Amino acid sequence: MKLTEEHFEVMEGVGFGATIWGYRDAKLLREVQQFDPSFIEIVPLDELGKYDPTVKKLTGAERLPYFGAVITGAGFDYIEKAREAAE
């Protein structure tokens, strides 16, 4: 598997932390995790309430996010190197 520009864009959107609500983003980020687990830190739903107050208030009757995510320094470095190599 190879990471595409689509993966890079969602990684940059997550940056230093985001709650993932959409299926497409969740799928792409799980693909990043499969490619190299050091590129992303996944925050499970049961821990996400510690970091995102809006998630903490959810009861389960509402739509729930997939997970939280943080892109690591290794992930940002990979994006930069991959784009430089593509030029």
PDB file of N, CA and C in Angstrom:
ATOM      1  N   MET A   1       0.843  -1.190   0.000  1.00  0.00           N
ATOM      2  CA  MET A   1       0.000   0.000   0.000  1.00  0.00           C
ATOM      3  C   MET A   1       0.880   1.243   0.000  1.00  0.00           C
ATOM      4  N   LYS A   2       0.408   2.258  -0.660  1.00  0.00           N
ATOM      5  CA  LYS A   2       1.120   3.531  -0.734  1.00  0.00           C
ATOM      6  C   LYS A   2       0.176   4.632  -0.258  1.00  0.00           C
ATOM      7  N   LEU A   3       0.707   5.575   0.498  1.00  0.00           N
ATOM      8  CA  LEU A   3      -0.116   6.710   0.918  1.00  0.00           C
ATOM      9  C   LEU A   3      -0.236   7.696  -0.236  1.00  0.00           C
ATOM     10  N   THR A   4      -1.427   8.235  -0.404  1.00  0.00           N
ATOM     11  CA  THR A   4      -1.715   9.162  -1.492  1.00  0.00           C
ATOM     12  C   THR A   4      -1.878  10.583  -0.952  1.00  0.00           C
ATOM     13  N   GLU A   5      -2.055  11.501  -1.851  1.00  0.00           N
ATOM     14  CA  GLU A   5      -2.299  12.892  -1.464  1.00  0.00           C
ATOM     15  C   GLU A   5      -3.555  12.999  -0.600  1.00  0.00           C
ATOM     16  N   GLU A   6      -4.517  12.144  -0.866  1.00  0.00           N
ATOM     17  CA  GLU A   6      -5.747  12.116  -0.067  1.00  0.00           C
ATOM     18  C   GLU A   6      -5.426  11.794   1.404  1.00  0.00           C
ATOM     19  N   HIS A   7      -4.524  10.841   1.614  1.00  0.00           N
ATOM     20  CA  HIS A   7      -4.086  10.511   2.977  1.00  0.00           C
ATOM     21  C   HIS A   7      -3.368  11.703   3.613  1.00  0.00           C
ATOM     22  N   PHE A   8      -2.496  12.332   2.835  1.00  0.00           N
ATOM     23  CA  PHE A   8      -1.729  13.471   3.363  1.00  0.00           C
ATOM     24  C   PHE A   8      -2.658  14.608   3.780  1.00  0.00           C
ATOM     25  N   GLU A   9      -3.683  14.865   2.974  1.00  0.00           N
ATOM     26  CA  GLU A   9      -4.616  15.954   3.280  1.00  0.00           C
ATOM     27  C   GLU A   9      -5.379  15.693   4.577  1.00  0.00           C
ATOM     28  N   VAL A  10      -5.841  14.463   4.772  1.00  0.00           N
ATOM     29  CA  VAL A  10      -6.570  14.171   6.012  1.00  0.00           C
ATOM     30  C   VAL A  10      -5.616  14.202   7.203  1.00  0.00           C
ATOM     31  N   MET A  11      -4.373  13.769   7.011  1.00  0.00           N
ATOM     32  CA  MET A  11      -3.380  13.840   8.090  1.00  0.00           C
ATOM     33  C   MET A  11      -3.128  15.291   8.488  1.00  0.00           C
ATOM     34  N   GLU A  12      -2.976  16.160   7.502  1.00  0.00           N
ATOM     35  CA  GLU A  12      -2.749  17.578   7.799  1.00  0.00           C
ATOM     36  C   GLU A  12      -3.971  18.196   8.469  1.00  0.00           C
ATOM     37  N   GLY A  13      -5.156  17.755   8.083  1.00  0.00           N
ATOM     38  CA  GLY A  13      -6.382  18.249   8.707  1.00  0.00           C
ATOM     39  C   GLY A  13      -6.471  17.873  10.178  1.00  0.00           C
ATOM     40  N   VAL A  14      -5.981  16.696  10.506  1.00  0.00           N
ATOM     41  CA  VAL A  14      -5.963  16.241  11.902  1.00  0.00           C
ATOM     42  C   VAL A  14      -4.911  17.007  12.681  1.00  0.00           C
ATOM     43  N   GLY A  15      -3.751  17.175  12.084  1.00  0.00           N
ATOM     44  CA  GLY A  15      -2.672  17.919  12.731  1.00  0.00           C
ATOM     45  C   GLY A  15      -2.352  17.393  14.115  1.00  0.00           C
ATOM     46  N   PHE A  16      -2.385  18.278  15.079  1.00  0.00           N
ATOM     47  CA  PHE A  16      -2.001  17.930  16.445  1.00  0.00           C
ATOM     48  C   PHE A  16      -3.180  17.439  17.282  1.00  0.00           C
ATOM     49  N   GLY A  17      -4.297  17.155  16.620  1.00  0.00           N
ATOM     50  CA  GLY A  17      -5.413  16.557  17.332  1.00  0.00           C
ATOM     51  C   GLY A  17      -6.757  16.904  16.737  1.00  0.00           C
ATOM     52  N   ALA A  18      -7.602  15.894  16.573  1.00  0.00           N
ATOM     53  CA  ALA A  18      -8.951  16.106  16.049  1.00  0.00           C
ATOM     54  C   ALA A  18      -9.834  14.930  16.443  1.00  0.00           C
ATOM     55  N   THR A  19     -11.111  15.214  16.540  1.00  0.00           N
ATOM     56  CA  THR A  19     -12.116  14.179  16.736  1.00  0.00           C
ATOM     57  C   THR A  19     -12.629  13.798  15.355  1.00  0.00           C
ATOM     58  N   ILE A  20     -12.629  12.517  15.056  1.00  0.00           N
ATOM     59  CA  ILE A  20     -12.973  12.042  13.718  1.00  0.00           C
ATOM     60  C   ILE A  20     -14.435  11.598  13.692  1.00  0.00           C
ATOM     61  N   TRP A  21     -15.236  12.340  12.951  1.00  0.00           N
ATOM     62  CA  TRP A  21     -16.672  12.087  12.869  1.00  0.00           C
ATOM     63  C   TRP A  21     -17.064  11.391  11.574  1.00  0.00           C
ATOM     64  N   GLY A  22     -16.311  11.565  10.517  1.00  0.00           N
ATOM     65  CA  GLY A  22     -16.699  11.057   9.205  1.00  0.00           C
ATOM     66  C   GLY A  22     -16.071   9.719   8.851  1.00  0.00           C
ATOM     67  N   TYR A  23     -16.853   8.888   8.157  1.00  0.00           N
ATOM     68  CA  TYR A  23     -16.381   7.559   7.756  1.00  0.00           C
ATOM     69  C   TYR A  23     -15.147   7.640   6.862  1.00  0.00           C
ATOM     70  N   ARG A  24     -15.179   8.526   5.877  1.00  0.00           N
ATOM     71  CA  ARG A  24     -14.067   8.643   4.931  1.00  0.00           C
ATOM     72  C   ARG A  24     -12.764   8.959   5.655  1.00  0.00           C
ATOM     73  N   ASP A  25     -12.799   9.950   6.535  1.00  0.00           N
ATOM     74  CA  ASP A  25     -11.597  10.321   7.280  1.00  0.00           C
ATOM     75  C   ASP A  25     -11.133   9.178   8.174  1.00  0.00           C
ATOM     76  N   ALA A  26     -12.076   8.503   8.827  1.00  0.00           N
ATOM     77  CA  ALA A  26     -11.726   7.381   9.702  1.00  0.00           C
ATOM     78  C   ALA A  26     -11.053   6.269   8.902  1.00  0.00           C
ATOM     79  N   LYS A  27     -11.593   5.978   7.736  1.00  0.00           N
ATOM     80  CA  LYS A  27     -11.033   4.925   6.880  1.00  0.00           C
ATOM     81  C   LYS A  27      -9.619   5.291   6.433  1.00  0.00           C
ATOM     82  N   LEU A  28      -9.440   6.523   5.971  1.00  0.00           N
ATOM     83  CA  LEU A  28      -8.117   6.954   5.514  1.00  0.00           C
ATOM     84  C   LEU A  28      -7.095   6.936   6.650  1.00  0.00           C
ATOM     85  N   LEU A  29      -7.496   7.368   7.825  1.00  0.00           N
ATOM     86  CA  LEU A  29      -6.570   7.389   8.960  1.00  0.00           C
ATOM     87  C   LEU A  29      -6.220   5.981   9.426  1.00  0.00           C
ATOM     88  N   ARG A  30      -7.150   5.054   9.353  1.00  0.00           N
ATOM     89  CA  ARG A  30      -6.835   3.654   9.681  1.00  0.00           C
ATOM     90  C   ARG A  30      -5.860   3.078   8.648  1.00  0.00           C
ATOM     91  N   GLU A  31      -5.976   3.500   7.393  1.00  0.00           N
ATOM     92  CA  GLU A  31      -5.019   3.072   6.374  1.00  0.00           C
ATOM     93  C   GLU A  31      -3.631   3.622   6.679  1.00  0.00           C
ATOM     94  N   VAL A  32      -3.563   4.867   7.138  1.00  0.00           N
ATOM     95  CA  VAL A  32      -2.282   5.450   7.550  1.00  0.00           C
ATOM     96  C   VAL A  32      -1.703   4.628   8.697  1.00  0.00           C
ATOM     97  N   GLN A  33      -2.535   4.283   9.650  1.00  0.00           N
ATOM     98  CA  GLN A  33      -2.090   3.493  10.801  1.00  0.00           C
ATOM     99  C   GLN A  33      -1.560   2.126  10.357  1.00  0.00           C
ATOM    100  N   GLN A  34      -2.207   1.504   9.380  1.00  0.00           N
ATOM    101  CA  GLN A  34      -1.739   0.217   8.863  1.00  0.00           C
ATOM    102  C   GLN A  34      -0.415   0.372   8.124  1.00  0.00           C
ATOM    103  N   PHE A  35      -0.265   1.473   7.393  1.00  0.00           N
ATOM    104  CA  PHE A  35       0.962   1.721   6.641  1.00  0.00           C
ATOM    105  C   PHE A  35       2.147   1.867   7.587  1.00  0.00           C
ATOM    106  N   ASP A  36       1.993   2.693   8.614  1.00  0.00           N
ATOM    107  CA  ASP A  36       3.047   2.878   9.623  1.00  0.00           C
ATOM    108  C   ASP A  36       2.410   3.411  10.903  1.00  0.00           C
ATOM    109  N   PRO A  37       2.301   2.575  11.918  1.00  0.00           N
ATOM    110  CA  PRO A  37       1.659   2.995  13.171  1.00  0.00           C
ATOM    111  C   PRO A  37       2.342   4.174  13.862  1.00  0.00           C
ATOM    112  N   SER A  38       3.598   4.438  13.529  1.00  0.00           N
ATOM    113  CA  SER A  38       4.298   5.558  14.177  1.00  0.00           C
ATOM    114  C   SER A  38       3.847   6.916  13.647  1.00  0.00           C
ATOM    115  N   PHE A  39       3.062   6.945  12.572  1.00  0.00           N
ATOM    116  CA  PHE A  39       2.625   8.208  11.969  1.00  0.00           C
ATOM    117  C   PHE A  39       1.414   8.820  12.674  1.00  0.00           C
ATOM    118  N   ILE A  40       0.686   8.014  13.432  1.00  0.00           N
ATOM    119  CA  ILE A  40      -0.584   8.475  13.986  1.00  0.00           C
ATOM    120  C   ILE A  40      -0.815   7.859  15.363  1.00  0.00           C
ATOM    121  N   GLU A  41      -1.399   8.647  16.227  1.00  0.00           N
ATOM    122  CA  GLU A  41      -1.823   8.135  17.532  1.00  0.00           C
ATOM    123  C   GLU A  41      -3.347   8.174  17.555  1.00  0.00           C
ATOM    124  N   ILE A  42      -3.951   7.018  17.747  1.00  0.00           N
ATOM    125  CA  ILE A  42      -5.406   6.903  17.797  1.00  0.00           C
ATOM    126  C   ILE A  42      -5.853   6.984  19.254  1.00  0.00           C
ATOM    127  N   VAL A  43      -6.851   7.819  19.514  1.00  0.00           N
ATOM    128  CA  VAL A  43      -7.423   7.941  20.858  1.00  0.00           C
ATOM    129  C   VAL A  43      -8.784   7.247  20.819  1.00  0.00           C
ATOM    130  N   PRO A  44      -8.933   6.124  21.543  1.00  0.00           N
ATOM    131  CA  PRO A  44     -10.207   5.400  21.524  1.00  0.00           C
ATOM    132  C   PRO A  44     -11.358   6.244  22.072  1.00  0.00           C
ATOM    133  N   LEU A  45     -12.549   5.883  21.668  1.00  0.00           N
ATOM    134  CA  LEU A  45     -13.744   6.636  22.047  1.00  0.00           C
ATOM    135  C   LEU A  45     -13.900   6.753  23.562  1.00  0.00           C
ATOM    136  N   ASP A  46     -13.578   5.693  24.299  1.00  0.00           N
ATOM    137  CA  ASP A  46     -13.756   5.753  25.754  1.00  0.00           C
ATOM    138  C   ASP A  46     -12.781   6.710  26.437  1.00  0.00           C
ATOM    139  N   GLU A  47     -11.669   7.038  25.786  1.00  0.00           N
ATOM    140  CA  GLU A  47     -10.712   8.010  26.334  1.00  0.00           C
ATOM    141  C   GLU A  47     -10.910   9.411  25.773  1.00  0.00           C
ATOM    142  N   LEU A  48     -11.623   9.502  24.670  1.00  0.00           N
ATOM    143  CA  LEU A  48     -11.750  10.766  23.947  1.00  0.00           C
ATOM    144  C   LEU A  48     -12.418  11.861  24.764  1.00  0.00           C
ATOM    145  N   GLY A  49     -13.317  11.502  25.651  1.00  0.00           N
ATOM    146  CA  GLY A  49     -13.999  12.486  26.492  1.00  0.00           C
ATOM    147  C   GLY A  49     -13.053  13.286  27.368  1.00  0.00           C
ATOM    148  N   LYS A  50     -11.891  12.738  27.678  1.00  0.00           N
ATOM    149  CA  LYS A  50     -10.889  13.458  28.473  1.00  0.00           C
ATOM    150  C   LYS A  50     -10.329  14.656  27.711  1.00  0.00           C
ATOM    151  N   TYR A  51     -10.316  14.546  26.378  1.00  0.00           N
ATOM    152  CA  TYR A  51      -9.691  15.567  25.542  1.00  0.00           C
ATOM    153  C   TYR A  51     -10.686  16.455  24.811  1.00  0.00           C
ATOM    154  N   ASP A  52     -11.879  15.954  24.582  1.00  0.00           N
ATOM    155  CA  ASP A  52     -12.893  16.696  23.828  1.00  0.00           C
ATOM    156  C   ASP A  52     -14.169  16.791  24.667  1.00  0.00           C
ATOM    157  N   PRO A  53     -14.436  17.965  25.266  1.00  0.00           N
ATOM    158  CA  PRO A  53     -15.602  18.121  26.143  1.00  0.00           C
ATOM    159  C   PRO A  53     -16.934  17.830  25.458  1.00  0.00           C
ATOM    160  N   THR A  54     -17.025  18.063  24.151  1.00  0.00           N
ATOM    161  CA  THR A  54     -18.289  17.788  23.465  1.00  0.00           C
ATOM    162  C   THR A  54     -18.574  16.291  23.434  1.00  0.00           C
ATOM    163  N   VAL A  55     -17.544  15.489  23.328  1.00  0.00           N
ATOM    164  CA  VAL A  55     -17.723  14.034  23.319  1.00  0.00           C
ATOM    165  C   VAL A  55     -18.107  13.538  24.708  1.00  0.00           C
ATOM    166  N   LYS A  56     -17.553  14.153  25.719  1.00  0.00           N
ATOM    167  CA  LYS A  56     -17.840  13.748  27.100  1.00  0.00           C
ATOM    168  C   LYS A  56     -19.330  13.882  27.423  1.00  0.00           C
ATOM    169  N   LYS A  57     -19.992  14.861  26.805  1.00  0.00           N
ATOM    170  CA  LYS A  57     -21.407  15.122  27.074  1.00  0.00           C
ATOM    171  C   LYS A  57     -22.351  14.163  26.339  1.00  0.00           C
ATOM    172  N   LEU A  58     -21.852  13.423  25.360  1.00  0.00           N
ATOM    173  CA  LEU A  58     -22.710  12.544  24.566  1.00  0.00           C
ATOM    174  C   LEU A  58     -23.172  11.345  25.390  1.00  0.00           C
ATOM    175  N   THR A  59     -24.413  10.959  25.196  1.00  0.00           N
ATOM    176  CA  THR A  59     -24.990   9.853  25.969  1.00  0.00           C
ATOM    177  C   THR A  59     -24.998   8.537  25.206  1.00  0.00           C
ATOM    178  N   GLY A  60     -24.773   8.578  23.919  1.00  0.00           N
ATOM    179  CA  GLY A  60     -24.845   7.372  23.098  1.00  0.00           C
ATOM    180  C   GLY A  60     -26.078   7.361  22.216  1.00  0.00           C
ATOM    181  N   ALA A  61     -27.071   8.163  22.569  1.00  0.00           N
ATOM    182  CA  ALA A  61     -28.267   8.270  21.736  1.00  0.00           C
ATOM    183  C   ALA A  61     -27.962   9.106  20.495  1.00  0.00           C
ATOM    184  N   GLU A  62     -26.978   9.997  20.622  1.00  0.00           N
ATOM    185  CA  GLU A  62     -26.577  10.839  19.499  1.00  0.00           C
ATOM    186  C   GLU A  62     -25.561  10.080  18.636  1.00  0.00           C
ATOM    187  N   ARG A  63     -25.267  10.674  17.508  1.00  0.00           N
ATOM    188  CA  ARG A  63     -24.212  10.131  16.657  1.00  0.00           C
ATOM    189  C   ARG A  63     -22.882  10.287  17.384  1.00  0.00           C
ATOM    190  N   LEU A  64     -22.088   9.225  17.411  1.00  0.00           N
ATOM    191  CA  LEU A  64     -20.804   9.254  18.102  1.00  0.00           C
ATOM    192  C   LEU A  64     -19.659   9.337  17.101  1.00  0.00           C
ATOM    193  N   PRO A  65     -18.552   9.935  17.494  1.00  0.00           N
ATOM    194  CA  PRO A  65     -17.386   9.970  16.612  1.00  0.00           C
ATOM    195  C   PRO A  65     -16.744   8.583  16.533  1.00  0.00           C
ATOM    196  N   TYR A  66     -15.895   8.386  15.525  1.00  0.00           N
ATOM    197  CA  TYR A  66     -15.183   7.118  15.382  1.00  0.00           C
ATOM    198  C   TYR A  66     -14.065   7.003  16.410  1.00  0.00           C
ATOM    199  N   PHE A  67     -13.252   8.054  16.520  1.00  0.00           N
ATOM    200  CA  PHE A  67     -12.114   8.074  17.438  1.00  0.00           C
ATOM    201  C   PHE A  67     -11.471   9.445  17.380  1.00  0.00           C
ATOM    202  N   GLY A  68     -10.479   9.656  18.200  1.00  0.00           N
ATOM    203  CA  GLY A  68      -9.662  10.861  18.124  1.00  0.00           C
ATOM    204  C   GLY A  68      -8.335  10.488  17.483  1.00  0.00           C
ATOM    205  N   ALA A  69      -7.656  11.449  16.918  1.00  0.00           N
ATOM    206  CA  ALA A  69      -6.379  11.159  16.268  1.00  0.00           C
ATOM    207  C   ALA A  69      -5.425  12.334  16.416  1.00  0.00           C
ATOM    208  N   VAL A  70      -4.146  11.989  16.476  1.00  0.00           N
ATOM    209  CA  VAL A  70      -3.064  12.970  16.515  1.00  0.00           C
ATOM    210  C   VAL A  70      -1.998  12.476  15.549  1.00  0.00           C
ATOM    211  N   ILE A  71      -1.539  13.357  14.684  1.00  0.00           N
ATOM    212  CA  ILE A  71      -0.449  12.996  13.778  1.00  0.00           C
ATOM    213  C   ILE A  71       0.864  13.284  14.493  1.00  0.00           C
ATOM    214  N   THR A  72       1.771  12.340  14.431  1.00  0.00           N
ATOM    215  CA  THR A  72       3.054  12.470  15.125  1.00  0.00           C
ATOM    216  C   THR A  72       4.070  13.210  14.257  1.00  0.00           C
ATOM    217  N   GLY A  73       5.190  13.541  14.851  1.00  0.00           N
ATOM    218  CA  GLY A  73       6.277  14.170  14.104  1.00  0.00           C
ATOM    219  C   GLY A  73       6.728  13.306  12.940  1.00  0.00           C
ATOM    220  N   ALA A  74       6.767  11.990  13.152  1.00  0.00           N
ATOM    221  CA  ALA A  74       7.160  11.067  12.080  1.00  0.00           C
ATOM    222  C   ALA A  74       6.179  11.151  10.911  1.00  0.00           C
ATOM    223  N   GLY A  75       4.904  11.319  11.212  1.00  0.00           N
ATOM    224  CA  GLY A  75       3.897  11.450  10.160  1.00  0.00           C
ATOM    225  C   GLY A  75       4.079  12.721   9.346  1.00  0.00           C
ATOM    226  N   PHE A  76       4.313  13.840  10.033  1.00  0.00           N
ATOM    227  CA  PHE A  76       4.552  15.106   9.328  1.00  0.00           C
ATOM    228  C   PHE A  76       5.832  15.039   8.495  1.00  0.00           C
ATOM    229  N   ASP A  77       6.872  14.413   9.038  1.00  0.00           N
ATOM    230  CA  ASP A  77       8.132  14.258   8.300  1.00  0.00           C
ATOM    231  C   ASP A  77       7.922  13.443   7.031  1.00  0.00           C
ATOM    232  N   TYR A  78       7.136  12.387   7.129  1.00  0.00           N
ATOM    233  CA  TYR A  78       6.882  11.537   5.967  1.00  0.00           C
ATOM    234  C   TYR A  78       6.159  12.317   4.871  1.00  0.00           C
ATOM    235  N   ILE A  79       5.160  13.092   5.252  1.00  0.00           N
ATOM    236  CA  ILE A  79       4.427  13.895   4.263  1.00  0.00           C
ATOM    237  C   ILE A  79       5.392  14.821   3.530  1.00  0.00           C
ATOM    238  N   GLU A  80       6.229  15.512   4.289  1.00  0.00           N
ATOM    239  CA  GLU A  80       7.177  16.459   3.694  1.00  0.00           C
ATOM    240  C   GLU A  80       8.131  15.753   2.732  1.00  0.00           C
ATOM    241  N   LYS A  81       8.692  14.634   3.147  1.00  0.00           N
ATOM    242  CA  LYS A  81       9.646  13.901   2.297  1.00  0.00           C
ATOM    243  C   LYS A  81       8.967  13.326   1.062  1.00  0.00           C
ATOM    244  N   ALA A  82       7.759  12.807   1.216  1.00  0.00           N
ATOM    245  CA  ALA A  82       7.037  12.229   0.083  1.00  0.00           C
ATOM    246  C   ALA A  82       6.704  13.296  -0.952  1.00  0.00           C
ATOM    247  N   ARG A  83       6.327  14.470  -0.504  1.00  0.00           N
ATOM    248  CA  ARG A  83       6.006  15.552  -1.439  1.00  0.00           C
ATOM    249  C   ARG A  83       7.260  16.080  -2.124  1.00  0.00           C
ATOM    250  N   GLU A  84       8.364  16.153  -1.391  1.00  0.00           N
ATOM    251  CA  GLU A  84       9.627  16.582  -2.003  1.00  0.00           C
ATOM    252  C   GLU A  84      10.064  15.591  -3.070  1.00  0.00           C
ATOM    253  N   ALA A  85       9.912  14.309  -2.802  1.00  0.00           N
ATOM    254  CA  ALA A  85      10.301  13.271  -3.753  1.00  0.00           C
ATOM    255  C   ALA A  85       9.422  13.307  -5.000  1.00  0.00           C
ATOM    256  N   ALA A  86       8.179  13.736  -4.848  1.00  0.00           N
ATOM    257  CA  ALA A  86       7.241  13.787  -5.969  1.00  0.00           C
ATOM    258  C   ALA A  86       7.498  14.969  -6.901  1.00  0.00           C
ATOM    259  N   GLU A  87       8.224  15.967  -6.409  1.00  0.00           N
ATOM    260  CA  GLU A  87       8.462  17.173  -7.229  1.00  0.00           C
ATOM    261  C   GLU A  87       9.507  16.943  -8.280  1.00  0.00           C
TER     262      GLU A  87
END
